[in-house]
Amino acid sequence: MKKYAIGSDHAGYEMRLSIKAYLESRGFSVDDFGTFDREKSNYPEIADVVANKVAGGGYDGGILICGTGVGMSLAANKVRGIRAACVSEPYSAKMSKEHNDANIICFGARVIGIETAKMIVDAWADSEFAGGRHKTRVDMITKLEKDGHL
């Protein structure tokens, strides 16, 4: 069974609860790292927790939701080993996994609706990294992360 870490700030609160329930209805295990109320919160704090959980192993990936998805992806990508993709439609979600081995998907509750969010999650969760020439490129990203240059 696949296991995911999920988190959101206040802007993504409602969508996070819906996506968590949706993933569980598909038979996935989901650990929820908040935020746990609708009070204003800081997305980097949630991205930090989820990204470090994913980078530490034990999860098949993570899902982060804020107003646009941009802030979450920027913050999550600061954690070594994370490849977080901010997407707004299913095709990019699928390609982020197949070509970029994205281990976190980010999207915005103020940008897309819940049905699109479900399609994004399906496209990403049901895809596998293609490897091959794409592995060479992901290895280059890892080198950039480690050394600051190619």
N, C-alpha and C. Protein backbone atom coordinates (compact mmCIF):
# COMPACT_ATOMS: atom_id res chain seq x y z
N MET A 1 0.84 -1.18 0.00
CA MET A 1 0.00 0.00 0.00
C MET A 1 0.89 1.24 0.00
N LYS A 2 0.57 2.19 -0.86
CA LYS A 2 1.33 3.44 -0.91
C LYS A 2 0.98 4.30 0.29
N LYS A 3 2.00 5.05 0.75
CA LYS A 3 1.84 5.91 1.91
C LYS A 3 2.29 7.32 1.55
N TYR A 4 1.44 8.30 1.86
CA TYR A 4 1.72 9.69 1.53
C TYR A 4 1.69 10.57 2.77
N ALA A 5 2.52 11.62 2.73
CA ALA A 5 2.48 12.69 3.72
C ALA A 5 1.74 13.86 3.07
N ILE A 6 0.87 14.51 3.83
CA ILE A 6 0.10 15.63 3.28
C ILE A 6 0.13 16.78 4.26
N GLY A 7 0.10 18.00 3.70
CA GLY A 7 0.06 19.18 4.54
C GLY A 7 -0.46 20.37 3.76
N SER A 8 -0.91 21.36 4.51
CA SER A 8 -1.39 22.60 3.89
C SER A 8 -1.26 23.74 4.88
N ASP A 9 -1.32 24.94 4.35
CA ASP A 9 -1.49 26.10 5.20
C ASP A 9 -2.99 26.36 5.33
N HIS A 10 -3.37 27.50 5.89
CA HIS A 10 -4.78 27.83 6.09
C HIS A 10 -5.55 27.90 4.77
N ALA A 11 -4.90 28.38 3.70
CA ALA A 11 -5.59 28.52 2.42
C ALA A 11 -5.95 27.16 1.81
N GLY A 12 -5.18 26.15 2.12
CA GLY A 12 -5.43 24.82 1.59
C GLY A 12 -6.12 23.87 2.55
N TYR A 13 -6.54 24.39 3.70
CA TYR A 13 -7.10 23.56 4.77
C TYR A 13 -8.23 22.65 4.29
N GLU A 14 -9.27 23.23 3.70
CA GLU A 14 -10.44 22.44 3.27
C GLU A 14 -10.07 21.45 2.18
N MET A 15 -9.28 21.89 1.21
CA MET A 15 -8.90 21.00 0.12
C MET A 15 -8.05 19.84 0.65
N ARG A 16 -7.16 20.12 1.60
CA ARG A 16 -6.33 19.06 2.18
C ARG A 16 -7.20 17.97 2.80
N LEU A 17 -8.21 18.37 3.55
CA LEU A 17 -9.09 17.38 4.18
C LEU A 17 -9.79 16.53 3.12
N SER A 18 -10.23 17.16 2.04
CA SER A 18 -10.91 16.44 0.96
C SER A 18 -9.95 15.49 0.24
N ILE A 19 -8.73 15.95 -0.04
CA ILE A 19 -7.75 15.11 -0.74
C ILE A 19 -7.31 13.96 0.15
N LYS A 20 -7.14 14.21 1.43
CA LYS A 20 -6.78 13.13 2.35
C LYS A 20 -7.85 12.04 2.32
N ALA A 21 -9.11 12.43 2.45
CA ALA A 21 -10.21 11.46 2.42
C ALA A 21 -10.26 10.73 1.08
N TYR A 22 -10.01 11.45 -0.01
CA TYR A 22 -10.01 10.84 -1.33
C TYR A 22 -8.90 9.78 -1.45
N LEU A 23 -7.71 10.12 -1.02
CA LEU A 23 -6.59 9.17 -1.06
C LEU A 23 -6.91 7.93 -0.22
N GLU A 24 -7.47 8.13 0.94
CA GLU A 24 -7.82 7.00 1.81
C GLU A 24 -8.89 6.14 1.16
N SER A 25 -9.83 6.76 0.43
CA SER A 25 -10.87 6.00 -0.26
C SER A 25 -10.28 5.14 -1.38
N ARG A 26 -9.11 5.54 -1.87
CA ARG A 26 -8.40 4.76 -2.89
C ARG A 26 -7.53 3.68 -2.27
N GLY A 27 -7.50 3.60 -0.96
CA GLY A 27 -6.74 2.56 -0.27
C GLY A 27 -5.33 2.96 0.12
N PHE A 28 -4.99 4.23 -0.03
CA PHE A 28 -3.67 4.72 0.36
C PHE A 28 -3.66 5.07 1.84
N SER A 29 -2.49 4.96 2.45
CA SER A 29 -2.27 5.43 3.81
C SER A 29 -1.81 6.89 3.73
N VAL A 30 -2.36 7.75 4.60
CA VAL A 30 -2.04 9.17 4.55
C VAL A 30 -1.76 9.67 5.96
N ASP A 31 -0.58 10.27 6.15
CA ASP A 31 -0.26 10.94 7.40
C ASP A 31 -0.43 12.44 7.17
N ASP A 32 -1.25 13.06 8.01
CA ASP A 32 -1.60 14.47 7.88
C ASP A 32 -0.76 15.30 8.84
N PHE A 33 -0.03 16.28 8.28
CA PHE A 33 0.85 17.12 9.08
C PHE A 33 0.34 18.56 9.20
N GLY A 34 -0.99 18.72 9.01
CA GLY A 34 -1.63 20.01 9.27
C GLY A 34 -1.46 21.00 8.14
N THR A 35 -1.91 22.15 8.46
CA THR A 35 -2.31 22.80 9.67
C THR A 35 -3.66 22.27 10.11
N PHE A 36 -3.94 22.37 11.39
CA PHE A 36 -5.12 21.71 11.93
C PHE A 36 -6.25 22.65 12.28
N ASP A 37 -6.17 23.89 11.82
CA ASP A 37 -7.28 24.82 11.97
C ASP A 37 -7.20 25.84 10.83
N ARG A 38 -8.17 26.74 10.81
CA ARG A 38 -8.25 27.70 9.71
C ARG A 38 -7.51 29.01 10.00
N GLU A 39 -6.83 29.07 11.14
CA GLU A 39 -6.08 30.28 11.49
C GLU A 39 -4.92 30.46 10.53
N LYS A 40 -4.55 31.70 10.28
CA LYS A 40 -3.42 31.97 9.38
C LYS A 40 -2.20 31.20 9.86
N SER A 41 -1.50 30.60 8.90
CA SER A 41 -0.31 29.82 9.22
C SER A 41 0.76 30.12 8.18
N ASN A 42 1.96 29.67 8.46
CA ASN A 42 3.10 29.92 7.58
C ASN A 42 3.42 28.67 6.77
N TYR A 43 3.22 28.75 5.46
CA TYR A 43 3.42 27.57 4.61
C TYR A 43 4.82 26.98 4.71
N PRO A 44 5.90 27.77 4.92
CA PRO A 44 7.21 27.13 5.00
C PRO A 44 7.32 26.13 6.16
N GLU A 45 6.60 26.36 7.24
CA GLU A 45 6.65 25.43 8.37
C GLU A 45 6.06 24.08 8.01
N ILE A 46 4.96 24.09 7.28
CA ILE A 46 4.32 22.84 6.86
C ILE A 46 5.16 22.15 5.79
N ALA A 47 5.66 22.94 4.83
CA ALA A 47 6.52 22.37 3.78
C ALA A 47 7.75 21.72 4.39
N ASP A 48 8.33 22.34 5.40
CA ASP A 48 9.50 21.80 6.10
C ASP A 48 9.20 20.42 6.66
N VAL A 49 8.11 20.28 7.36
CA VAL A 49 7.76 19.00 7.99
C VAL A 49 7.52 17.92 6.94
N VAL A 50 6.66 18.21 5.97
CA VAL A 50 6.32 17.20 4.96
C VAL A 50 7.54 16.85 4.11
N ALA A 51 8.30 17.84 3.67
CA ALA A 51 9.47 17.56 2.83
C ALA A 51 10.50 16.73 3.58
N ASN A 52 10.73 17.02 4.84
CA ASN A 52 11.69 16.23 5.61
C ASN A 52 11.19 14.82 5.88
N LYS A 53 9.90 14.65 6.06
CA LYS A 53 9.34 13.30 6.20
C LYS A 53 9.56 12.50 4.92
N VAL A 54 9.28 13.11 3.77
CA VAL A 54 9.45 12.43 2.48
C VAL A 54 10.93 12.14 2.23
N ALA A 55 11.78 13.13 2.46
CA ALA A 55 13.22 12.95 2.23
C ALA A 55 13.81 11.89 3.15
N GLY A 56 13.22 11.73 4.33
CA GLY A 56 13.72 10.75 5.29
C GLY A 56 13.34 9.32 4.98
N GLY A 57 12.46 9.12 4.03
CA GLY A 57 12.03 7.77 3.65
C GLY A 57 10.76 7.37 4.38
N GLY A 58 10.22 6.26 3.97
CA GLY A 58 8.99 5.78 4.59
C GLY A 58 7.72 6.27 3.93
N TYR A 59 7.87 7.16 2.96
CA TYR A 59 6.71 7.69 2.24
C TYR A 59 6.94 7.52 0.74
N ASP A 60 5.86 7.26 0.02
CA ASP A 60 5.92 7.19 -1.44
C ASP A 60 5.89 8.58 -2.05
N GLY A 61 5.58 9.57 -1.26
CA GLY A 61 5.56 10.95 -1.73
C GLY A 61 4.80 11.83 -0.79
N GLY A 62 4.73 13.10 -1.16
CA GLY A 62 4.03 14.09 -0.36
C GLY A 62 3.15 14.97 -1.21
N ILE A 63 2.16 15.57 -0.56
CA ILE A 63 1.24 16.49 -1.22
C ILE A 63 1.16 17.73 -0.35
N LEU A 64 1.41 18.88 -0.97
CA LEU A 64 1.36 20.16 -0.26
C LEU A 64 0.40 21.10 -0.96
N ILE A 65 -0.44 21.76 -0.18
CA ILE A 65 -1.47 22.64 -0.72
C ILE A 65 -1.42 23.98 0.00
N CYS A 66 -1.36 25.06 -0.77
CA CYS A 66 -1.49 26.40 -0.22
C CYS A 66 -2.40 27.18 -1.17
N GLY A 67 -2.33 28.49 -1.16
CA GLY A 67 -3.19 29.27 -2.04
C GLY A 67 -2.93 29.02 -3.50
N THR A 68 -1.64 29.03 -3.89
CA THR A 68 -1.28 28.82 -5.29
C THR A 68 -0.47 27.56 -5.54
N GLY A 69 0.14 27.01 -4.50
CA GLY A 69 1.05 25.88 -4.63
C GLY A 69 2.49 26.32 -4.83
N VAL A 70 2.69 27.58 -5.21
CA VAL A 70 4.02 28.08 -5.50
C VAL A 70 4.88 28.17 -4.24
N GLY A 71 4.36 28.79 -3.19
CA GLY A 71 5.13 28.93 -1.96
C GLY A 71 5.54 27.59 -1.38
N MET A 72 4.60 26.65 -1.36
CA MET A 72 4.91 25.31 -0.85
C MET A 72 6.01 24.65 -1.66
N SER A 73 5.94 24.77 -2.99
CA SER A 73 6.96 24.12 -3.82
C SER A 73 8.32 24.78 -3.62
N LEU A 74 8.36 26.10 -3.51
CA LEU A 74 9.63 26.78 -3.28
C LEU A 74 10.25 26.34 -1.97
N ALA A 75 9.45 26.30 -0.92
CA ALA A 75 9.97 25.91 0.40
C ALA A 75 10.39 24.44 0.42
N ALA A 76 9.55 23.56 -0.11
CA ALA A 76 9.86 22.12 -0.09
C ALA A 76 11.14 21.82 -0.86
N ASN A 77 11.36 22.52 -1.96
CA ASN A 77 12.54 22.27 -2.79
C ASN A 77 13.84 22.70 -2.12
N LYS A 78 13.78 23.37 -1.01
CA LYS A 78 14.99 23.72 -0.26
C LYS A 78 15.51 22.54 0.55
N VAL A 79 14.70 21.49 0.72
CA VAL A 79 15.10 20.31 1.47
C VAL A 79 15.83 19.35 0.54
N ARG A 80 17.02 18.96 0.93
CA ARG A 80 17.84 18.06 0.10
C ARG A 80 17.08 16.77 -0.20
N GLY A 81 17.08 16.40 -1.48
CA GLY A 81 16.42 15.17 -1.90
C GLY A 81 14.99 15.35 -2.35
N ILE A 82 14.49 16.55 -2.25
CA ILE A 82 13.09 16.80 -2.65
C ILE A 82 13.04 17.39 -4.05
N ARG A 83 12.11 16.87 -4.82
CA ARG A 83 11.78 17.40 -6.14
C ARG A 83 10.27 17.66 -6.13
N ALA A 84 9.91 18.87 -5.71
CA ALA A 84 8.50 19.25 -5.58
C ALA A 84 8.06 20.00 -6.82
N ALA A 85 6.97 19.55 -7.41
CA ALA A 85 6.43 20.18 -8.63
C ALA A 85 5.11 20.87 -8.31
N CYS A 86 5.02 22.12 -8.71
CA CYS A 86 3.78 22.87 -8.59
C CYS A 86 3.02 22.74 -9.91
N VAL A 87 1.84 22.16 -9.86
CA VAL A 87 1.07 21.91 -11.07
C VAL A 87 -0.38 22.34 -10.89
N SER A 88 -1.05 22.57 -12.02
CA SER A 88 -2.45 22.98 -12.00
C SER A 88 -3.33 22.12 -12.90
N GLU A 89 -2.73 21.07 -13.48
CA GLU A 89 -3.52 20.17 -14.32
C GLU A 89 -2.84 18.79 -14.35
N PRO A 90 -3.59 17.75 -14.70
CA PRO A 90 -3.10 16.37 -14.59
C PRO A 90 -1.90 16.02 -15.47
N TYR A 91 -1.80 16.56 -16.68
CA TYR A 91 -0.70 16.17 -17.55
C TYR A 91 0.65 16.54 -16.94
N SER A 92 0.77 17.75 -16.43
CA SER A 92 2.03 18.15 -15.80
C SER A 92 2.32 17.32 -14.55
N ALA A 93 1.28 16.94 -13.83
CA ALA A 93 1.47 16.08 -12.65
C ALA A 93 2.06 14.74 -13.07
N LYS A 94 1.49 14.15 -14.11
CA LYS A 94 1.97 12.86 -14.62
C LYS A 94 3.41 12.97 -15.10
N MET A 95 3.70 14.00 -15.87
CA MET A 95 5.06 14.19 -16.40
C MET A 95 6.06 14.50 -15.29
N SER A 96 5.61 15.19 -14.25
CA SER A 96 6.53 15.49 -13.14
C SER A 96 7.04 14.22 -12.48
N LYS A 97 6.21 13.20 -12.45
CA LYS A 97 6.63 11.92 -11.87
C LYS A 97 7.42 11.12 -12.90
N GLU A 98 6.91 10.98 -14.12
CA GLU A 98 7.54 10.14 -15.13
C GLU A 98 8.91 10.68 -15.59
N HIS A 99 9.04 11.99 -15.73
CA HIS A 99 10.27 12.56 -16.27
C HIS A 99 11.18 13.17 -15.22
N ASN A 100 10.61 13.68 -14.13
CA ASN A 100 11.39 14.40 -13.13
C ASN A 100 11.46 13.69 -11.78
N ASP A 101 10.78 12.55 -11.67
CA ASP A 101 10.74 11.79 -10.41
C ASP A 101 10.32 12.69 -9.24
N ALA A 102 9.31 13.54 -9.48
CA ALA A 102 8.82 14.43 -8.43
C ALA A 102 8.30 13.60 -7.26
N ASN A 103 8.83 13.87 -6.08
CA ASN A 103 8.39 13.12 -4.90
C ASN A 103 7.42 13.92 -4.04
N ILE A 104 7.16 15.15 -4.42
CA ILE A 104 6.10 15.96 -3.80
C ILE A 104 5.36 16.69 -4.91
N ILE A 105 4.05 16.71 -4.78
CA ILE A 105 3.21 17.46 -5.72
C ILE A 105 2.58 18.61 -4.93
N CYS A 106 2.55 19.78 -5.54
CA CYS A 106 1.99 20.97 -4.90
C CYS A 106 0.94 21.59 -5.82
N PHE A 107 -0.12 22.10 -5.23
CA PHE A 107 -1.11 22.82 -6.01
C PHE A 107 -1.83 23.81 -5.13
N GLY A 108 -2.58 24.70 -5.78
CA GLY A 108 -3.22 25.80 -5.08
C GLY A 108 -4.72 25.68 -4.97
N ALA A 109 -5.21 25.79 -3.75
CA ALA A 109 -6.65 25.71 -3.51
C ALA A 109 -7.38 26.94 -4.05
N ARG A 110 -6.66 28.02 -4.29
CA ARG A 110 -7.27 29.23 -4.86
C ARG A 110 -7.14 29.25 -6.38
N VAL A 111 -6.51 28.21 -6.93
CA VAL A 111 -6.26 28.15 -8.37
C VAL A 111 -7.12 27.09 -9.04
N ILE A 112 -7.26 25.94 -8.40
CA ILE A 112 -8.01 24.82 -8.98
C ILE A 112 -9.12 24.39 -8.03
N GLY A 113 -10.09 23.65 -8.58
CA GLY A 113 -11.17 23.09 -7.78
C GLY A 113 -10.83 21.68 -7.32
N ILE A 114 -11.67 21.14 -6.49
CA ILE A 114 -11.42 19.83 -5.89
C ILE A 114 -11.39 18.71 -6.92
N GLU A 115 -12.22 18.76 -7.94
CA GLU A 115 -12.21 17.69 -8.94
C GLU A 115 -10.92 17.70 -9.74
N THR A 116 -10.42 18.87 -10.08
CA THR A 116 -9.12 18.95 -10.75
C THR A 116 -8.02 18.46 -9.82
N ALA A 117 -8.09 18.82 -8.55
CA ALA A 117 -7.09 18.36 -7.58
C ALA A 117 -7.08 16.83 -7.51
N LYS A 118 -8.23 16.21 -7.53
CA LYS A 118 -8.30 14.73 -7.52
C LYS A 118 -7.67 14.15 -8.78
N MET A 119 -7.94 14.77 -9.93
CA MET A 119 -7.33 14.28 -11.17
C MET A 119 -5.82 14.43 -11.15
N ILE A 120 -5.33 15.51 -10.57
CA ILE A 120 -3.89 15.73 -10.43
C ILE A 120 -3.28 14.65 -9.55
N VAL A 121 -3.89 14.42 -8.42
CA VAL A 121 -3.38 13.40 -7.49
C VAL A 121 -3.39 12.03 -8.15
N ASP A 122 -4.46 11.70 -8.86
CA ASP A 122 -4.52 10.41 -9.57
C ASP A 122 -3.41 10.28 -10.60
N ALA A 123 -3.24 11.32 -11.42
CA ALA A 123 -2.23 11.27 -12.48
C ALA A 123 -0.84 11.09 -11.89
N TRP A 124 -0.56 11.77 -10.80
CA TRP A 124 0.76 11.70 -10.16
C TRP A 124 0.96 10.38 -9.42
N ALA A 125 -0.01 10.00 -8.61
CA ALA A 125 0.12 8.77 -7.79
C ALA A 125 0.14 7.51 -8.65
N ASP A 126 -0.53 7.54 -9.79
CA ASP A 126 -0.61 6.36 -10.64
C ASP A 126 0.53 6.28 -11.66
N SER A 127 1.44 7.23 -11.64
CA SER A 127 2.58 7.24 -12.56
C SER A 127 3.82 6.72 -11.87
N GLU A 128 4.78 6.28 -12.68
CA GLU A 128 6.07 5.81 -12.19
C GLU A 128 7.17 6.56 -12.92
N PHE A 129 8.30 6.73 -12.27
CA PHE A 129 9.45 7.35 -12.89
C PHE A 129 9.92 6.49 -14.05
N ALA A 130 10.13 7.10 -15.20
CA ALA A 130 10.49 6.36 -16.42
C ALA A 130 11.96 5.95 -16.46
N GLY A 131 12.81 6.63 -15.71
CA GLY A 131 14.24 6.30 -15.74
C GLY A 131 14.86 6.63 -17.08
N GLY A 132 15.85 5.83 -17.50
CA GLY A 132 16.50 6.05 -18.80
C GLY A 132 17.12 7.42 -18.91
N ARG A 133 16.88 8.10 -20.02
CA ARG A 133 17.46 9.42 -20.23
C ARG A 133 17.00 10.41 -19.16
N HIS A 134 15.83 10.16 -18.57
CA HIS A 134 15.31 11.04 -17.53
C HIS A 134 16.12 10.91 -16.24
N LYS A 135 16.66 9.71 -15.98
CA LYS A 135 17.50 9.53 -14.80
C LYS A 135 18.76 10.38 -14.90
N THR A 136 19.32 10.46 -16.09
CA THR A 136 20.50 11.30 -16.29
C THR A 136 20.20 12.74 -15.88
N ARG A 137 19.03 13.22 -16.26
CA ARG A 137 18.65 14.60 -15.95
C ARG A 137 18.35 14.78 -14.47
N VAL A 138 17.68 13.81 -13.86
CA VAL A 138 17.43 13.89 -12.42
C VAL A 138 18.75 13.84 -11.66
N ASP A 139 19.70 13.03 -12.13
CA ASP A 139 21.03 13.01 -11.51
C ASP A 139 21.71 14.37 -11.61
N MET A 140 21.48 15.07 -12.70
CA MET A 140 22.03 16.42 -12.85
C MET A 140 21.41 17.38 -11.83
N ILE A 141 20.11 17.25 -11.62
CA ILE A 141 19.44 18.08 -10.61
C ILE A 141 20.02 17.79 -9.23
N THR A 142 20.25 16.52 -8.94
CA THR A 142 20.84 16.14 -7.65
C THR A 142 22.24 16.73 -7.50
N LYS A 143 23.01 16.74 -8.58
CA LYS A 143 24.35 17.33 -8.53
C LYS A 143 24.25 18.85 -8.27
N LEU A 144 23.33 19.51 -8.93
CA LEU A 144 23.11 20.94 -8.68
C LEU A 144 22.78 21.19 -7.21
N GLU A 145 21.92 20.33 -6.68
CA GLU A 145 21.52 20.46 -5.28
C GLU A 145 22.72 20.31 -4.35
N LYS A 146 23.58 19.35 -4.66
CA LYS A 146 24.74 19.03 -3.82
C LYS A 146 25.86 20.04 -3.98
N ASP A 147 26.22 20.35 -5.23
CA ASP A 147 27.41 21.15 -5.51
C ASP A 147 27.14 22.61 -5.88
N GLY A 148 25.90 22.92 -6.22
CA GLY A 148 25.58 24.27 -6.64
C GLY A 148 25.86 24.57 -8.09
N HIS A 149 26.35 23.56 -8.81
CA HIS A 149 26.63 23.70 -10.25
C HIS A 149 26.80 22.31 -10.84
N LEU A 150 26.78 22.24 -12.16
CA LEU A 150 26.98 20.96 -12.85
C LEU A 150 28.45 20.73 -13.12
